[in-house]
N, C-alpha and C. Protein backbone atom coordinates (compact mmCIF):
# COMPACT_ATOMS: atom_id res chain seq x y z
N MET A 1 -7.42 -81.43 -22.00
CA MET A 1 -6.70 -80.45 -22.71
C MET A 1 -5.43 -80.31 -21.98
N ASN A 2 -5.30 -80.24 -20.65
CA ASN A 2 -4.05 -80.46 -20.09
C ASN A 2 -3.08 -81.39 -20.52
N GLU A 3 -3.73 -82.54 -20.64
CA GLU A 3 -3.01 -83.72 -21.08
C GLU A 3 -2.33 -83.59 -22.46
N SER A 4 -3.08 -83.16 -23.35
CA SER A 4 -2.61 -82.96 -24.68
C SER A 4 -1.45 -81.83 -24.80
N SER A 5 -1.58 -80.76 -24.06
CA SER A 5 -0.66 -79.85 -24.03
C SER A 5 0.73 -80.27 -23.28
N ASN A 6 0.52 -81.22 -22.40
CA ASN A 6 1.69 -81.81 -21.69
C ASN A 6 2.42 -82.85 -22.77
N SER A 7 1.70 -83.45 -23.66
CA SER A 7 2.43 -84.28 -24.47
C SER A 7 3.08 -83.41 -25.66
N VAL A 8 2.38 -82.31 -26.04
CA VAL A 8 3.18 -81.50 -26.97
C VAL A 8 4.44 -80.94 -26.42
N THR A 9 4.45 -80.49 -25.08
CA THR A 9 5.61 -80.15 -24.60
C THR A 9 6.65 -81.22 -24.40
N HIS A 10 6.09 -82.41 -24.14
CA HIS A 10 7.09 -83.59 -24.28
C HIS A 10 7.67 -83.77 -25.52
N PHE A 11 7.02 -83.58 -26.80
CA PHE A 11 7.32 -83.53 -28.07
C PHE A 11 8.48 -82.74 -28.31
N TRP A 12 8.03 -81.33 -27.93
CA TRP A 12 9.13 -80.27 -28.11
C TRP A 12 10.51 -80.49 -27.39
N LEU A 13 10.43 -81.03 -26.32
CA LEU A 13 11.59 -81.33 -25.45
C LEU A 13 12.29 -82.29 -26.06
N GLN A 14 11.76 -83.40 -26.50
CA GLN A 14 12.42 -84.56 -27.15
C GLN A 14 13.03 -83.83 -28.56
N LEU A 15 12.60 -83.13 -29.33
CA LEU A 15 13.02 -82.49 -30.45
C LEU A 15 13.94 -81.68 -30.23
N VAL A 16 14.17 -80.83 -29.08
CA VAL A 16 15.09 -79.91 -28.70
C VAL A 16 16.39 -80.75 -28.24
N GLN A 17 16.30 -81.87 -27.72
CA GLN A 17 17.17 -82.75 -27.11
C GLN A 17 18.03 -83.31 -28.40
N LYS A 18 17.10 -83.76 -29.29
CA LYS A 18 17.76 -84.31 -30.55
C LYS A 18 18.48 -83.40 -31.23
N GLN A 19 17.99 -82.25 -31.34
CA GLN A 19 18.48 -81.02 -32.03
C GLN A 19 20.02 -80.59 -31.40
N SER A 20 19.84 -80.43 -30.15
CA SER A 20 21.24 -80.05 -29.23
C SER A 20 22.06 -81.26 -29.59
N SER A 21 21.80 -82.45 -29.53
CA SER A 21 22.77 -83.54 -29.85
C SER A 21 23.34 -83.75 -31.22
N ILE A 22 22.65 -83.12 -32.25
CA ILE A 22 23.10 -83.19 -33.61
C ILE A 22 24.05 -81.94 -33.74
N PHE A 23 23.63 -80.84 -33.01
CA PHE A 23 24.64 -79.74 -32.95
C PHE A 23 26.12 -79.94 -32.37
N PHE A 24 25.75 -80.95 -31.37
CA PHE A 24 27.05 -81.28 -30.75
C PHE A 24 27.87 -82.07 -31.50
N LEU A 25 27.32 -82.83 -32.14
CA LEU A 25 27.98 -84.03 -32.99
C LEU A 25 28.65 -83.02 -34.02
N PHE A 26 27.84 -82.01 -34.59
CA PHE A 26 28.34 -81.18 -35.71
C PHE A 26 29.54 -80.56 -35.26
N ASP A 27 29.65 -79.97 -34.08
CA ASP A 27 30.66 -79.18 -33.42
C ASP A 27 31.86 -80.09 -33.11
N THR A 28 31.64 -81.08 -32.61
CA THR A 28 32.87 -82.06 -32.49
C THR A 28 33.41 -82.46 -33.82
N LEU A 29 32.75 -82.69 -34.98
CA LEU A 29 33.22 -82.82 -36.13
C LEU A 29 33.97 -81.91 -36.62
N LEU A 30 33.57 -80.39 -36.53
CA LEU A 30 34.34 -79.36 -36.93
C LEU A 30 35.57 -79.20 -36.21
N SER A 31 35.48 -79.21 -34.78
CA SER A 31 36.95 -79.40 -33.93
C SER A 31 37.77 -80.37 -34.47
N LEU A 32 37.37 -81.50 -34.92
CA LEU A 32 38.42 -82.48 -35.27
C LEU A 32 38.99 -81.99 -36.56
N GLN A 33 38.04 -81.39 -37.65
CA GLN A 33 38.62 -80.92 -38.80
C GLN A 33 39.52 -79.93 -38.50
N ILE A 34 39.51 -79.11 -37.74
CA ILE A 34 40.09 -77.84 -37.42
C ILE A 34 41.59 -78.37 -36.88
N LEU A 35 41.59 -79.29 -35.96
CA LEU A 35 42.82 -79.89 -35.44
C LEU A 35 43.51 -80.74 -36.58
């Protein structure tokens, strides 16, 4: 059980990292458009 919960945590961490990198990219594009 501990192992499966650990993999779920890992999955969520990866998801959050992808999400934040997407937001970072989007933010950069917006900044470029404003400039």
